[in-house]
């Protein structure tokens, strides 16, 4: 039988709740920014997952950390164009952009945390 009991059930439910909350947050953030900005910000999940997985004891080589840094830098540079567009649209648009971007980044961090927790749960 494929039943989850006790501690394992609570851990799986926690991972599912984190993932659900992460998806709610990124969808709320998507209301305030465009799909392109969302895609760029959501790609920061690689950096969050790398950081969170170190808490679980995973170690990365210098080359791997450089890859994470380059991916994060590329995401940041790509996102600057969106900030400039929000500045061109006026002060109110920038406030909505900041709110949406912050909510998306929070949701992305939660999503990455849920992936790291899921890996921990599946490892036993």
C-alpha atoms as a PDB file:
ATOM      1  CA  UNK A   1       0.000   0.000   0.000  1.00  0.00           C
ATOM      2  CA  UNK A   2       1.098   3.550  -0.725  1.00  0.00           C
ATOM      3  CA  UNK A   3       0.128   5.288   2.503  1.00  0.00           C
ATOM      4  CA  UNK A   4       1.978   8.057   4.242  1.00  0.00           C
ATOM      5  CA  UNK A   5       1.901   7.958   8.015  1.00  0.00           C
ATOM      6  CA  UNK A   6       3.096  10.003  10.946  1.00  0.00           C
ATOM      7  CA  UNK A   7       6.233  12.053  10.551  1.00  0.00           C
ATOM      8  CA  UNK A   8       6.585  11.369   6.816  1.00  0.00           C
ATOM      9  CA  UNK A   9       3.028  12.565   6.183  1.00  0.00           C
ATOM     10  CA  UNK A  10       3.713  15.803   8.087  1.00  0.00           C
ATOM     11  CA  UNK A  11       6.928  16.388   6.141  1.00  0.00           C
ATOM     12  CA  UNK A  12       5.252  15.794   2.782  1.00  0.00           C
ATOM     13  CA  UNK A  13       2.341  18.040   3.791  1.00  0.00           C
ATOM     14  CA  UNK A  14       4.807  20.773   4.804  1.00  0.00           C
ATOM     15  CA  UNK A  15       6.572  20.572   1.422  1.00  0.00           C
ATOM     16  CA  UNK A  16       3.217  20.691  -0.381  1.00  0.00           C
ATOM     17  CA  UNK A  17       2.147  23.723   1.677  1.00  0.00           C
ATOM     18  CA  UNK A  18       5.420  25.547   0.916  1.00  0.00           C
ATOM     19  CA  UNK A  19       5.012  24.877  -2.791  1.00  0.00           C
ATOM     20  CA  UNK A  20       1.368  25.974  -2.748  1.00  0.00           C
ATOM     21  CA  UNK A  21       2.228  29.200  -0.907  1.00  0.00           C
ATOM     22  CA  UNK A  22       5.127  29.840  -3.291  1.00  0.00           C
ATOM     23  CA  UNK A  23       2.838  29.500  -6.308  1.00  0.00           C
ATOM     24  CA  UNK A  24       0.247  31.824  -4.762  1.00  0.00           C
ATOM     25  CA  UNK A  25       2.922  34.451  -4.136  1.00  0.00           C
ATOM     26  CA  UNK A  26       4.418  34.331  -7.616  1.00  0.00           C
ATOM     27  CA  UNK A  27       0.966  34.544  -9.205  1.00  0.00           C
ATOM     28  CA  UNK A  28       0.118  37.581  -7.051  1.00  0.00           C
ATOM     29  CA  UNK A  29       3.419  39.156  -8.077  1.00  0.00           C
ATOM     30  CA  UNK A  30       2.597  38.455 -11.715  1.00  0.00           C
ATOM     31  CA  UNK A  31      -0.393  40.792 -11.354  1.00  0.00           C
ATOM     32  CA  UNK A  32       2.041  43.694 -10.828  1.00  0.00           C
ATOM     33  CA  UNK A  33       4.801  42.897 -13.338  1.00  0.00           C
ATOM     34  CA  UNK A  34       4.900  41.507 -16.840  1.00  0.00           C
ATOM     35  CA  UNK A  35       5.518  37.905 -17.791  1.00  0.00           C
ATOM     36  CA  UNK A  36       9.041  38.711 -18.948  1.00  0.00           C
ATOM     37  CA  UNK A  37       9.972  40.182 -15.583  1.00  0.00           C
ATOM     38  CA  UNK A  38       8.378  37.192 -13.873  1.00  0.00           C
ATOM     39  CA  UNK A  39      10.467  34.788 -15.938  1.00  0.00           C
ATOM     40  CA  UNK A  40      13.666  36.674 -15.151  1.00  0.00           C
ATOM     41  CA  UNK A  41      12.932  36.855 -11.430  1.00  0.00           C
ATOM     42  CA  UNK A  42      11.794  33.245 -11.189  1.00  0.00           C
ATOM     43  CA  UNK A  43      15.123  32.167 -12.680  1.00  0.00           C
ATOM     44  CA  UNK A  44      16.735  33.344  -9.428  1.00  0.00           C
ATOM     45  CA  UNK A  45      15.470  30.079  -7.970  1.00  0.00           C
ATOM     46  CA  UNK A  46      18.798  28.518  -8.949  1.00  0.00           C
ATOM     47  CA  UNK A  47      20.652  30.825  -6.555  1.00  0.00           C
ATOM     48  CA  UNK A  48      18.108  30.330  -3.768  1.00  0.00           C
ATOM     49  CA  UNK A  49      18.202  26.549  -4.148  1.00  0.00           C
ATOM     50  CA  UNK A  50      21.998  26.534  -4.040  1.00  0.00           C
ATOM     51  CA  UNK A  51      22.003  28.639  -0.879  1.00  0.00           C
ATOM     52  CA  UNK A  52      19.287  26.634   0.854  1.00  0.00           C
ATOM     53  CA  UNK A  53      20.843  23.293  -0.036  1.00  0.00           C
ATOM     54  CA  UNK A  54      24.062  24.260   1.757  1.00  0.00           C
ATOM     55  CA  UNK A  55      22.038  24.260   4.973  1.00  0.00           C
ATOM     56  CA  UNK A  56      21.233  20.607   4.212  1.00  0.00           C
ATOM     57  CA  UNK A  57      24.953  19.888   4.042  1.00  0.00           C
ATOM     58  CA  UNK A  58      25.434  19.983   0.282  1.00  0.00           C
ATOM     59  CA  UNK A  59      28.797  21.382  -0.801  1.00  0.00           C
ATOM     60  CA  UNK A  60      29.575  23.032  -4.122  1.00  0.00           C
ATOM     61  CA  UNK A  61      32.883  23.537  -5.865  1.00  0.00           C
ATOM     62  CA  UNK A  62      34.224  26.984  -6.704  1.00  0.00           C
ATOM     63  CA  UNK A  63      33.320  26.371 -10.350  1.00  0.00           C
ATOM     64  CA  UNK A  64      29.719  25.617  -9.402  1.00  0.00           C
ATOM     65  CA  UNK A  65      29.467  28.750  -7.238  1.00  0.00           C
ATOM     66  CA  UNK A  66      30.867  30.784 -10.141  1.00  0.00           C
ATOM     67  CA  UNK A  67      28.120  29.331 -12.344  1.00  0.00           C
ATOM     68  CA  UNK A  68      25.477  30.336  -9.793  1.00  0.00           C
ATOM     69  CA  UNK A  69      27.004  33.828  -9.571  1.00  0.00           C
ATOM     70  CA  UNK A  70      27.068  34.237 -13.360  1.00  0.00           C
ATOM     71  CA  UNK A  71      23.451  33.097 -13.677  1.00  0.00           C
ATOM     72  CA  UNK A  72      22.418  35.521 -10.931  1.00  0.00           C
ATOM     73  CA  UNK A  73      24.373  38.370 -12.512  1.00  0.00           C
ATOM     74  CA  UNK A  74      22.749  37.702 -15.877  1.00  0.00           C
ATOM     75  CA  UNK A  75      19.330  37.725 -14.242  1.00  0.00           C
ATOM     76  CA  UNK A  76      20.085  41.004 -12.482  1.00  0.00           C
ATOM     77  CA  UNK A  77      21.338  42.714 -15.640  1.00  0.00           C
ATOM     78  CA  UNK A  78      18.312  41.518 -17.589  1.00  0.00           C
ATOM     79  CA  UNK A  79      16.038  42.809 -14.831  1.00  0.00           C
ATOM     80  CA  UNK A  80      17.552  46.310 -14.962  1.00  0.00           C
ATOM     81  CA  UNK A  81      15.803  46.978 -18.261  1.00  0.00           C
ATOM     82  CA  UNK A  82      12.469  46.289 -16.582  1.00  0.00           C
ATOM     83  CA  UNK A  83      13.275  48.739 -13.796  1.00  0.00           C
ATOM     84  CA  UNK A  84      14.068  51.389 -16.403  1.00  0.00           C
ATOM     85  CA  UNK A  85      10.709  50.728 -18.089  1.00  0.00           C
ATOM     86  CA  UNK A  86       8.940  51.162 -14.733  1.00  0.00           C
ATOM     87  CA  UNK A  87      10.808  54.429 -14.115  1.00  0.00           C
ATOM     88  CA  UNK A  88       9.743  55.693 -17.545  1.00  0.00           C
ATOM     89  CA  UNK A  89       6.105  54.877 -16.714  1.00  0.00           C
ATOM     90  CA  UNK A  90       6.135  57.073 -13.613  1.00  0.00           C
ATOM     91  CA  UNK A  91       6.459  56.800  -9.830  1.00  0.00           C
ATOM     92  CA  UNK A  92       3.273  54.782  -9.253  1.00  0.00           C
ATOM     93  CA  UNK A  93       4.333  52.166 -11.756  1.00  0.00           C
ATOM     94  CA  UNK A  94       7.691  51.781 -10.022  1.00  0.00           C
ATOM     95  CA  UNK A  95       5.951  51.160  -6.683  1.00  0.00           C
ATOM     96  CA  UNK A  96       3.788  48.446  -8.212  1.00  0.00           C
ATOM     97  CA  UNK A  97       6.830  46.983  -9.920  1.00  0.00           C
ATOM     98  CA  UNK A  98       8.780  46.863  -6.647  1.00  0.00           C
ATOM     99  CA  UNK A  99       5.867  45.221  -4.860  1.00  0.00           C
ATOM    100  CA  UNK A 100       5.374  42.634  -7.596  1.00  0.00           C
ATOM    101  CA  UNK A 101       9.091  41.922  -7.874  1.00  0.00           C
ATOM    102  CA  UNK A 102       9.418  41.504  -4.115  1.00  0.00           C
ATOM    103  CA  UNK A 103       6.463  39.135  -3.928  1.00  0.00           C
ATOM    104  CA  UNK A 104       7.808  37.098  -6.856  1.00  0.00           C
ATOM    105  CA  UNK A 105      11.258  36.876  -5.269  1.00  0.00           C
ATOM    106  CA  UNK A 106       9.693  35.781  -1.979  1.00  0.00           C
ATOM    107  CA  UNK A 107       7.638  33.157  -3.778  1.00  0.00           C
ATOM    108  CA  UNK A 108      10.688  32.014  -5.721  1.00  0.00           C
ATOM    109  CA  UNK A 109      12.669  31.647  -2.497  1.00  0.00           C
ATOM    110  CA  UNK A 110       9.834  29.587  -1.003  1.00  0.00           C
ATOM    111  CA  UNK A 111       9.665  27.450  -4.142  1.00  0.00           C
ATOM    112  CA  UNK A 112      13.401  26.781  -3.937  1.00  0.00           C
ATOM    113  CA  UNK A 113      13.069  25.941  -0.256  1.00  0.00           C
ATOM    114  CA  UNK A 114      10.269  23.502  -1.077  1.00  0.00           C
ATOM    115  CA  UNK A 115      12.505  21.780  -3.631  1.00  0.00           C
ATOM    116  CA  UNK A 116      15.339  21.437  -1.113  1.00  0.00           C
ATOM    117  CA  UNK A 117      12.909  20.131   1.519  1.00  0.00           C
ATOM    118  CA  UNK A 118      11.417  17.685  -0.996  1.00  0.00           C
ATOM    119  CA  UNK A 119      14.889  16.372  -1.750  1.00  0.00           C
ATOM    120  CA  UNK A 120      15.466  15.898   1.965  1.00  0.00           C
ATOM    121  CA  UNK A 121      12.128  14.095   2.400  1.00  0.00           C
ATOM    122  CA  UNK A 122      12.740  11.792  -0.558  1.00  0.00           C
ATOM    123  CA  UNK A 123      16.251  10.964   0.677  1.00  0.00           C
ATOM    124  CA  UNK A 124      14.728   9.580   3.841  1.00  0.00           C
END
